[in-house]
Amino acid sequence: MSEIVYDRLDVLAVGPHPDDLEITCGGTLARLVRQGHRVGMLDLTSGEPTPRGSEEIRVREAEAARQVLGVPLRINADLPNRELMDVPANRYVLATWFRRLRPAVVISVAGRTPAASPDHHQAHLLIEAARFWSQLTKWNERFDGTSPHRVPHLVYAPFPFDAEIRHWHSTFVIDITETFEQKLAAVHCYASQFDEARFAKVSHFVTGHAIAAGSRCGFAYGELFALPHPVGASDLHALVHGGKGSPAPVPLPQDPAQPEQ
């Protein structure tokens, strides 16, 4: 949608429909932008048809939400809503975007939502597969002539209404206290999907989930993420302090039996 194109993104977040990324990780995307990272959003489908929307309305809503979050780049892969599947044709499309944008980190929605769209689970599978296909050699003609790119890091943004109890290798929470209002405002942009009565329910749910995730780490609001592998660190002290770095060491009390130096 936006005209800015990067040849190498720091972070690319991928979801099946416009509004999924706002709900799962919108606060983190806004915070990443504030921190100076090159951030992009990729919607796999337009989200249409729906009972209350249209292609034109959803484009305007997604663009408004992008502006609220401050993310400079948003792309729609134009895959079919309601029929989104992890199949080879769709893997080529998404992997080609990975090869064009060359992200260092891909954030993928994750989860199975039988009470909601099956596109959510298929997107999870498709993103994982396209990440692998993006690095394949000797197939450049299948990816619009782009060169291979290995996405170094895959991060999951779990749907808060996942039907399964996940046992991830590791999880972490990002503090979105400063960007939580941006997250809610971005979700509110989707008036075709959330009229005022429905938005009140969604806002209540999203707020409660952010409070629950954040409070476990001492934040007012947070967003939960997961990794397909353990968290690695070289500094245990910095890690348990939320990655903020080790505080200055506290001088040990002087042993009264020892003379001062």
C-alpha atoms as a PDB file:
ATOM      1  CA  MET A   1       0.000   0.000   0.000  1.00  0.00           C
ATOM      2  CA  SER A   2       2.627   2.512   1.031  1.00  0.00           C
ATOM      3  CA  GLU A   3       5.147   3.591  -1.600  1.00  0.00           C
ATOM      4  CA  ILE A   4       8.296   3.238   0.508  1.00  0.00           C
ATOM      5  CA  VAL A   5      10.249   0.102  -0.424  1.00  0.00           C
ATOM      6  CA  TYR A   6      13.307  -1.151   1.412  1.00  0.00           C
ATOM      7  CA  ASP A   7      15.773  -3.657   0.022  1.00  0.00           C
ATOM      8  CA  ARG A   8      16.531  -4.935   3.523  1.00  0.00           C
ATOM      9  CA  LEU A   9      14.107  -4.777   6.441  1.00  0.00           C
ATOM     10  CA  ASP A  10      14.984  -5.243  10.070  1.00  0.00           C
ATOM     11  CA  VAL A  11      11.549  -6.693  10.884  1.00  0.00           C
ATOM     12  CA  LEU A  12       8.696  -7.894   8.668  1.00  0.00           C
ATOM     13  CA  ALA A  13       5.421  -8.892  10.345  1.00  0.00           C
ATOM     14  CA  VAL A  14       3.123 -11.206   8.377  1.00  0.00           C
ATOM     15  CA  GLY A  15      -0.550 -11.968   9.009  1.00  0.00           C
ATOM     16  CA  PRO A  16      -3.470 -13.362   6.999  1.00  0.00           C
ATOM     17  CA  HIS A  17      -5.843 -10.370   7.132  1.00  0.00           C
ATOM     18  CA  PRO A  18      -5.666  -6.634   7.755  1.00  0.00           C
ATOM     19  CA  ASP A  19      -6.283  -6.194  11.529  1.00  0.00           C
ATOM     20  CA  ASP A  20      -4.558  -9.445  12.602  1.00  0.00           C
ATOM     21  CA  LEU A  21      -1.152  -7.803  13.067  1.00  0.00           C
ATOM     22  CA  GLU A  22      -2.670  -4.854  14.897  1.00  0.00           C
ATOM     23  CA  ILE A  23      -4.326  -7.200  17.392  1.00  0.00           C
ATOM     24  CA  THR A  24      -1.385  -9.568  17.908  1.00  0.00           C
ATOM     25  CA  CYS A  25       1.662  -7.286  17.762  1.00  0.00           C
ATOM     26  CA  GLY A  26       0.638  -3.729  16.867  1.00  0.00           C
ATOM     27  CA  GLY A  27       2.138  -2.218  19.991  1.00  0.00           C
ATOM     28  CA  THR A  28       5.488  -3.862  19.347  1.00  0.00           C
ATOM     29  CA  LEU A  29       5.553  -2.734  15.706  1.00  0.00           C
ATOM     30  CA  ALA A  30       4.921   0.858  16.787  1.00  0.00           C
ATOM     31  CA  ARG A  31       7.674   0.573  19.392  1.00  0.00           C
ATOM     32  CA  LEU A  32      10.140  -0.867  16.864  1.00  0.00           C
ATOM     33  CA  VAL A  33       9.507   2.121  14.604  1.00  0.00           C
ATOM     34  CA  ARG A  34      10.140   4.508  17.512  1.00  0.00           C
ATOM     35  CA  GLN A  35      13.400   2.674  18.168  1.00  0.00           C
ATOM     36  CA  GLY A  36      14.569   3.397  14.627  1.00  0.00           C
ATOM     37  CA  HIS A  37      14.195  -0.043  13.069  1.00  0.00           C
ATOM     38  CA  ARG A  38      13.132  -0.567   9.448  1.00  0.00           C
ATOM     39  CA  VAL A  39       9.741  -2.236   9.843  1.00  0.00           C
ATOM     40  CA  GLY A  40       7.234  -3.600   7.346  1.00  0.00           C
ATOM     41  CA  MET A  41       3.801  -5.243   7.493  1.00  0.00           C
ATOM     42  CA  LEU A  42       2.569  -7.834   5.003  1.00  0.00           C
ATOM     43  CA  ASP A  43      -1.071  -8.910   4.799  1.00  0.00           C
ATOM     44  CA  LEU A  44      -1.504 -12.158   2.911  1.00  0.00           C
ATOM     45  CA  THR A  45      -5.093 -11.365   1.848  1.00  0.00           C
ATOM     46  CA  SER A  46      -7.430  -8.381   1.632  1.00  0.00           C
ATOM     47  CA  GLY A  47      -9.713  -9.941   4.245  1.00  0.00           C
ATOM     48  CA  GLU A  48     -12.636  -9.725   1.800  1.00  0.00           C
ATOM     49  CA  PRO A  49     -15.342 -10.732   1.283  1.00  0.00           C
ATOM     50  CA  THR A  50     -16.893 -10.056   4.682  1.00  0.00           C
ATOM     51  CA  PRO A  51     -20.494  -9.193   5.599  1.00  0.00           C
ATOM     52  CA  ARG A  52     -19.685  -5.541   6.274  1.00  0.00           C
ATOM     53  CA  GLY A  53     -16.622  -4.681   4.207  1.00  0.00           C
ATOM     54  CA  SER A  54     -15.378  -4.244   0.655  1.00  0.00           C
ATOM     55  CA  GLU A  55     -11.988  -4.317  -1.036  1.00  0.00           C
ATOM     56  CA  GLU A  56     -11.882  -0.515  -1.189  1.00  0.00           C
ATOM     57  CA  ILE A  57     -12.910  -0.058   2.443  1.00  0.00           C
ATOM     58  CA  ARG A  58     -10.356  -2.554   3.721  1.00  0.00           C
ATOM     59  CA  VAL A  59      -7.563  -0.870   1.756  1.00  0.00           C
ATOM     60  CA  ARG A  60      -8.417   2.477   3.344  1.00  0.00           C
ATOM     61  CA  GLU A  61      -8.669   0.957   6.814  1.00  0.00           C
ATOM     62  CA  ALA A  62      -5.348  -0.864   6.533  1.00  0.00           C
ATOM     63  CA  GLU A  63      -3.648   2.303   5.328  1.00  0.00           C
ATOM     64  CA  ALA A  64      -5.128   4.311   8.197  1.00  0.00           C
ATOM     65  CA  ALA A  65      -3.923   1.694  10.690  1.00  0.00           C
ATOM     66  CA  ARG A  66      -0.444   1.729   9.132  1.00  0.00           C
ATOM     67  CA  GLN A  67      -0.263   5.473   9.628  1.00  0.00           C
ATOM     68  CA  VAL A  68      -1.430   5.199  13.239  1.00  0.00           C
ATOM     69  CA  LEU A  69       1.329   2.701  14.013  1.00  0.00           C
ATOM     70  CA  GLY A  70       3.891   4.736  12.080  1.00  0.00           C
ATOM     71  CA  VAL A  71       5.052   1.722  10.050  1.00  0.00           C
ATOM     72  CA  PRO A  72       6.461   3.034   6.756  1.00  0.00           C
ATOM     73  CA  LEU A  73       5.760  -0.015   4.593  1.00  0.00           C
ATOM     74  CA  ARG A  74       2.636  -2.164   4.216  1.00  0.00           C
ATOM     75  CA  ILE A  75       2.134  -4.717   1.445  1.00  0.00           C
ATOM     76  CA  ASN A  76      -0.765  -6.951   0.457  1.00  0.00           C
ATOM     77  CA  ALA A  77       0.179 -10.243  -1.187  1.00  0.00           C
ATOM     78  CA  ASP A  78      -3.298 -10.550  -2.796  1.00  0.00           C
ATOM     79  CA  LEU A  79      -3.778 -14.199  -1.886  1.00  0.00           C
ATOM     80  CA  PRO A  80      -7.386 -15.426  -1.615  1.00  0.00           C
ATOM     81  CA  ASN A  81      -9.237 -14.788   1.625  1.00  0.00           C
ATOM     82  CA  ARG A  82     -11.291 -17.730   2.973  1.00  0.00           C
ATOM     83  CA  GLU A  83      -9.269 -20.042   0.713  1.00  0.00           C
ATOM     84  CA  LEU A  84      -5.822 -19.231   2.055  1.00  0.00           C
ATOM     85  CA  MET A  85      -3.829 -22.452   2.153  1.00  0.00           C
ATOM     86  CA  ASP A  86      -0.251 -23.542   2.652  1.00  0.00           C
ATOM     87  CA  VAL A  87       0.230 -24.760  -0.921  1.00  0.00           C
ATOM     88  CA  PRO A  88       3.215 -24.424  -3.298  1.00  0.00           C
ATOM     89  CA  ALA A  89       1.721 -21.552  -5.334  1.00  0.00           C
ATOM     90  CA  ASN A  90       1.287 -19.432  -2.200  1.00  0.00           C
ATOM     91  CA  ARG A  91       4.712 -20.366  -0.882  1.00  0.00           C
ATOM     92  CA  TYR A  92       6.258 -18.956  -4.068  1.00  0.00           C
ATOM     93  CA  VAL A  93       4.404 -15.658  -3.605  1.00  0.00           C
ATOM     94  CA  LEU A  94       5.393 -15.130   0.028  1.00  0.00           C
ATOM     95  CA  ALA A  95       8.947 -16.418  -0.385  1.00  0.00           C
ATOM     96  CA  THR A  96       9.413 -13.964  -3.265  1.00  0.00           C
ATOM     97  CA  TRP A  97       8.465 -11.110  -0.917  1.00  0.00           C
ATOM     98  CA  PHE A  98      10.960 -12.414   1.631  1.00  0.00           C
ATOM     99  CA  ARG A  99      13.636 -12.442  -1.073  1.00  0.00           C
ATOM    100  CA  ARG A 100      12.759  -8.898  -2.150  1.00  0.00           C
ATOM    101  CA  LEU A 101      12.557  -7.357   1.322  1.00  0.00           C
ATOM    102  CA  ARG A 102      15.292  -9.532   2.880  1.00  0.00           C
ATOM    103  CA  PRO A 103      14.148  -9.156   6.506  1.00  0.00           C
ATOM    104  CA  ALA A 104      16.409 -10.052   9.417  1.00  0.00           C
ATOM    105  CA  VAL A 105      13.377 -10.990  11.523  1.00  0.00           C
ATOM    106  CA  VAL A 106       9.989 -12.297  10.427  1.00  0.00           C
ATOM    107  CA  ILE A 107       7.135 -12.069  12.924  1.00  0.00           C
ATOM    108  CA  SER A 108       4.518 -14.706  12.157  1.00  0.00           C
ATOM    109  CA  VAL A 109       1.034 -14.988  13.568  1.00  0.00           C
ATOM    110  CA  ALA A 110       0.577 -18.357  15.219  1.00  0.00           C
ATOM    111  CA  GLY A 111      -2.336 -20.422  16.380  1.00  0.00           C
ATOM    112  CA  ARG A 112      -5.379 -22.455  15.436  1.00  0.00           C
ATOM    113  CA  THR A 113      -8.717 -20.688  15.782  1.00  0.00           C
ATOM    114  CA  PRO A 114     -11.623 -23.056  15.046  1.00  0.00           C
ATOM    115  CA  ALA A 115     -14.150 -20.434  16.191  1.00  0.00           C
ATOM    116  CA  ALA A 116     -12.645 -17.923  13.760  1.00  0.00           C
ATOM    117  CA  SER A 117     -11.036 -18.056  10.317  1.00  0.00           C
ATOM    118  CA  PRO A 118      -9.041 -21.156   9.339  1.00  0.00           C
ATOM    119  CA  ASP A 119      -6.828 -18.707   7.439  1.00  0.00           C
ATOM    120  CA  HIS A 120      -5.072 -18.009  10.749  1.00  0.00           C
ATOM    121  CA  HIS A 121      -3.652 -21.516  11.074  1.00  0.00           C
ATOM    122  CA  GLN A 122      -2.881 -21.790   7.362  1.00  0.00           C
ATOM    123  CA  ALA A 123      -0.996 -18.487   7.503  1.00  0.00           C
ATOM    124  CA  HIS A 124       1.124 -19.859  10.357  1.00  0.00           C
ATOM    125  CA  LEU A 125       2.072 -22.896   8.255  1.00  0.00           C
ATOM    126  CA  LEU A 126       2.566 -20.861   5.085  1.00  0.00           C
ATOM    127  CA  ILE A 127       4.915 -18.367   6.727  1.00  0.00           C
ATOM    128  CA  GLU A 128       7.101 -21.136   8.153  1.00  0.00           C
ATOM    129  CA  ALA A 129       7.276 -22.888   4.780  1.00  0.00           C
ATOM    130  CA  ALA A 130       7.942 -19.706   2.803  1.00  0.00           C
ATOM    131  CA  ARG A 131      10.744 -18.810   5.171  1.00  0.00           C
ATOM    132  CA  PHE A 132      12.452 -22.063   4.203  1.00  0.00           C
ATOM    133  CA  TRP A 133      11.673 -21.709   0.488  1.00  0.00           C
ATOM    134  CA  SER A 134      13.112 -18.192   0.470  1.00  0.00           C
ATOM    135  CA  GLN A 135      16.624 -19.583   0.892  1.00  0.00           C
ATOM    136  CA  LEU A 136      16.428 -22.232  -1.834  1.00  0.00           C
ATOM    137  CA  THR A 137      19.013 -22.060  -4.606  1.00  0.00           C
ATOM    138  CA  LYS A 138      18.731 -22.986  -8.302  1.00  0.00           C
ATOM    139  CA  TRP A 139      15.031 -21.989  -8.312  1.00  0.00           C
ATOM    140  CA  ASN A 140      15.367 -18.249  -8.871  1.00  0.00           C
ATOM    141  CA  GLU A 141      13.063 -18.330 -11.890  1.00  0.00           C
ATOM    142  CA  ARG A 142      10.279 -19.578  -9.621  1.00  0.00           C
ATOM    143  CA  PHE A 143      10.708 -16.508  -7.394  1.00  0.00           C
ATOM    144  CA  ASP A 144      10.499 -13.809 -10.065  1.00  0.00           C
ATOM    145  CA  GLY A 145      14.251 -13.846 -10.609  1.00  0.00           C
ATOM    146  CA  THR A 146      15.053 -12.788  -7.023  1.00  0.00           C
ATOM    147  CA  SER A 147      18.126 -14.128  -5.274  1.00  0.00           C
ATOM    148  CA  PRO A 148      17.945 -16.473  -2.256  1.00  0.00           C
ATOM    149  CA  HIS A 149      17.583 -15.002   1.212  1.00  0.00           C
ATOM    150  CA  ARG A 150      17.793 -16.860   4.499  1.00  0.00           C
ATOM    151  CA  VAL A 151      15.605 -15.216   7.148  1.00  0.00           C
ATOM    152  CA  PRO A 152      17.812 -15.484  10.255  1.00  0.00           C
ATOM    153  CA  HIS A 153      15.074 -15.214  12.893  1.00  0.00           C
ATOM    154  CA  LEU A 154      11.436 -16.326  13.094  1.00  0.00           C
ATOM    155  CA  VAL A 155       9.312 -14.995  15.957  1.00  0.00           C
ATOM    156  CA  TYR A 156       5.740 -16.074  16.681  1.00  0.00           C
ATOM    157  CA  ALA A 157       2.996 -13.619  17.662  1.00  0.00           C
ATOM    158  CA  PRO A 158       0.405 -16.039  19.083  1.00  0.00           C
ATOM    159  CA  PHE A 159      -3.296 -15.371  18.678  1.00  0.00           C
ATOM    160  CA  PRO A 160      -4.666 -14.816  22.188  1.00  0.00           C
ATOM    161  CA  PHE A 161      -7.618 -17.083  21.345  1.00  0.00           C
ATOM    162  CA  ASP A 162      -5.566 -20.071  20.149  1.00  0.00           C
ATOM    163  CA  ALA A 163      -7.431 -23.356  20.629  1.00  0.00           C
ATOM    164  CA  GLU A 164      -4.300 -25.139  21.797  1.00  0.00           C
ATOM    165  CA  ILE A 165      -2.207 -24.833  24.938  1.00  0.00           C
ATOM    166  CA  ARG A 166       1.227 -24.306  23.439  1.00  0.00           C
ATOM    167  CA  HIS A 167       4.460 -25.509  24.938  1.00  0.00           C
ATOM    168  CA  TRP A 168       6.840 -23.146  23.158  1.00  0.00           C
ATOM    169  CA  HIS A 169      10.584 -23.564  23.594  1.00  0.00           C
ATOM    170  CA  SER A 170      10.650 -20.028  24.951  1.00  0.00           C
ATOM    171  CA  THR A 171       8.464 -16.962  25.314  1.00  0.00           C
ATOM    172  CA  PHE A 172       9.081 -13.323  26.080  1.00  0.00           C
ATOM    173  CA  VAL A 173       7.031 -10.169  26.577  1.00  0.00           C
ATOM    174  CA  ILE A 174       7.650  -6.770  24.994  1.00  0.00           C
ATOM    175  CA  ASP A 175       6.729  -3.683  27.011  1.00  0.00           C
ATOM    176  CA  ILE A 176       4.154  -1.739  24.964  1.00  0.00           C
ATOM    177  CA  THR A 177       3.100   0.668  27.694  1.00  0.00           C
ATOM    178  CA  GLU A 178       4.143   3.677  25.608  1.00  0.00           C
ATOM    179  CA  THR A 179       2.468   2.413  22.418  1.00  0.00           C
ATOM    180  CA  PHE A 180      -0.631   0.668  23.752  1.00  0.00           C
ATOM    181  CA  GLU A 181      -2.942   3.544  22.814  1.00  0.00           C
ATOM    182  CA  GLN A 182      -1.530   3.433  19.281  1.00  0.00           C
ATOM    183  CA  LYS A 183      -2.350  -0.279  19.149  1.00  0.00           C
ATOM    184  CA  LEU A 184      -5.963   0.316  20.178  1.00  0.00           C
ATOM    185  CA  ALA A 185      -6.318   3.246  17.778  1.00  0.00           C
ATOM    186  CA  ALA A 186      -5.003   1.070  14.932  1.00  0.00           C
ATOM    187  CA  VAL A 187      -7.555  -1.657  15.692  1.00  0.00           C
ATOM    188  CA  HIS A 188     -10.250   1.015  15.828  1.00  0.00           C
ATOM    189  CA  CYS A 189      -9.427   1.930  12.210  1.00  0.00           C
ATOM    190  CA  TYR A 190     -11.275  -1.220  11.073  1.00  0.00           C
ATOM    191  CA  ALA A 191     -14.767   0.200  11.476  1.00  0.00           C
ATOM    192  CA  SER A 192     -16.158  -2.171   8.844  1.00  0.00           C
ATOM    193  CA  GLN A 193     -15.227  -5.113  11.049  1.00  0.00           C
ATOM    194  CA  PHE A 194     -15.697  -3.532  14.477  1.00  0.00           C
ATOM    195  CA  ASP A 195     -18.683  -1.247  14.921  1.00  0.00           C
ATOM    196  CA  GLU A 196     -18.753   0.618  18.227  1.00  0.00           C
ATOM    197  CA  ALA A 197     -20.461  -2.203  20.128  1.00  0.00           C
ATOM    198  CA  ARG A 198     -18.092  -4.834  18.773  1.00  0.00           C
ATOM    199  CA  PHE A 199     -15.049  -2.600  19.193  1.00  0.00           C
ATOM    200  CA  ALA A 200     -15.918  -2.164  22.858  1.00  0.00           C
ATOM    201  CA  LYS A 201     -15.739  -5.947  23.276  1.00  0.00           C
ATOM    202  CA  VAL A 202     -12.542  -6.247  21.243  1.00  0.00           C
ATOM    203  CA  SER A 203     -10.957  -3.352  23.135  1.00  0.00           C
ATOM    204  CA  HIS A 204     -11.850  -4.961  26.455  1.00  0.00           C
ATOM    205  CA  PHE A 205     -10.346  -8.282  25.355  1.00  0.00           C
ATOM    206  CA  VAL A 206      -7.177  -6.769  23.879  1.00  0.00           C
ATOM    207  CA  THR A 207      -6.666  -4.557  26.927  1.00  0.00           C
ATOM    208  CA  GLY A 208      -7.110  -7.439  29.357  1.00  0.00           C
ATOM    209  CA  HIS A 209      -4.737  -9.626  27.412  1.00  0.00           C
ATOM    210  CA  ALA A 210      -2.083  -6.869  27.272  1.00  0.00           C
ATOM    211  CA  ILE A 211      -2.414  -6.225  31.003  1.00  0.00           C
ATOM    212  CA  ALA A 212      -2.134  -9.937  31.793  1.00  0.00           C
ATOM    213  CA  ALA A 213       0.945 -10.376  29.585  1.00  0.00           C
ATOM    214  CA  GLY A 214       2.649  -7.192  30.731  1.00  0.00           C
ATOM    215  CA  SER A 215       1.996  -7.490  34.439  1.00  0.00           C
ATOM    216  CA  ARG A 216       3.926 -10.748  34.662  1.00  0.00           C
ATOM    217  CA  CYS A 217       7.045  -8.787  33.703  1.00  0.00           C
ATOM    218  CA  GLY A 218       6.304  -5.600  35.612  1.00  0.00           C
ATOM    219  CA  PHE A 219       4.867  -3.680  32.633  1.00  0.00           C
ATOM    220  CA  ALA A 220       1.519  -1.917  32.472  1.00  0.00           C
ATOM    221  CA  TYR A 221       0.878  -3.464  29.027  1.00  0.00           C
ATOM    222  CA  GLY A 222       2.744  -6.133  27.108  1.00  0.00           C
ATOM    223  CA  GLU A 223       2.628  -8.376  24.047  1.00  0.00           C
ATOM    224  CA  LEU A 224       3.607 -12.033  24.241  1.00  0.00           C
ATOM    225  CA  PHE A 225       5.940 -13.592  21.683  1.00  0.00           C
ATOM    226  CA  ALA A 226       7.407 -17.073  21.278  1.00  0.00           C
ATOM    227  CA  LEU A 227      10.423 -18.651  19.623  1.00  0.00           C
ATOM    228  CA  PRO A 228      10.896 -22.050  17.955  1.00  0.00           C
ATOM    229  CA  HIS A 229      14.079 -22.496  20.007  1.00  0.00           C
ATOM    230  CA  PRO A 230      15.414 -21.535  23.449  1.00  0.00           C
ATOM    231  CA  VAL A 231      16.353 -17.934  24.147  1.00  0.00           C
ATOM    232  CA  GLY A 232      20.094 -17.431  23.792  1.00  0.00           C
ATOM    233  CA  ALA A 233      22.070 -14.885  25.779  1.00  0.00           C
ATOM    234  CA  SER A 234      25.658 -14.161  26.761  1.00  0.00           C
ATOM    235  CA  ASP A 235      24.757 -12.164  29.884  1.00  0.00           C
ATOM    236  CA  LEU A 236      22.373 -13.862  32.334  1.00  0.00           C
ATOM    237  CA  HIS A 237      22.158 -10.743  34.493  1.00  0.00           C
ATOM    238  CA  ALA A 238      21.082  -8.542  31.573  1.00  0.00           C
ATOM    239  CA  LEU A 239      18.630 -11.160  30.316  1.00  0.00           C
ATOM    240  CA  VAL A 240      16.705 -11.447  33.571  1.00  0.00           C
ATOM    241  CA  HIS A 241      16.568  -7.651  33.788  1.00  0.00           C
ATOM    242  CA  GLY A 242      14.516  -7.573  30.604  1.00  0.00           C
ATOM    243  CA  GLY A 243      17.429  -6.910  28.270  1.00  0.00           C
ATOM    244  CA  LYS A 244      17.944  -3.446  29.712  1.00  0.00           C
ATOM    245  CA  GLY A 245      21.557  -4.157  30.588  1.00  0.00           C
ATOM    246  CA  SER A 246      23.079  -4.926  33.911  1.00  0.00           C
ATOM    247  CA  PRO A 247      22.591  -2.232  36.544  1.00  0.00           C
ATOM    248  CA  ALA A 248      25.650  -0.740  38.221  1.00  0.00           C
ATOM    249  CA  PRO A 249      27.052  -3.158  40.797  1.00  0.00           C
ATOM    250  CA  VAL A 250      26.204  -2.425  44.406  1.00  0.00           C
ATOM    251  CA  PRO A 251      29.377  -2.101  46.550  1.00  0.00           C
ATOM    252  CA  LEU A 252      29.712  -4.907  49.028  1.00  0.00           C
ATOM    253  CA  PRO A 253      29.612  -3.863  52.704  1.00  0.00           C
ATOM    254  CA  GLN A 254      33.015  -3.448  54.285  1.00  0.00           C
ATOM    255  CA  ASP A 255      34.023  -6.347  56.500  1.00  0.00           C
ATOM    256  CA  PRO A 256      34.552  -4.717  59.926  1.00  0.00           C
ATOM    257  CA  ALA A 257      37.345  -7.192  60.619  1.00  0.00           C
ATOM    258  CA  GLN A 258      39.323  -5.864  57.662  1.00  0.00           C
ATOM    259  CA  PRO A 259      40.983  -2.412  57.617  1.00  0.00           C
ATOM    260  CA  GLU A 260      39.802   0.021  54.951  1.00  0.00           C
ATOM    261  CA  GLN A 261      42.097   0.241  51.951  1.00  0.00           C
END
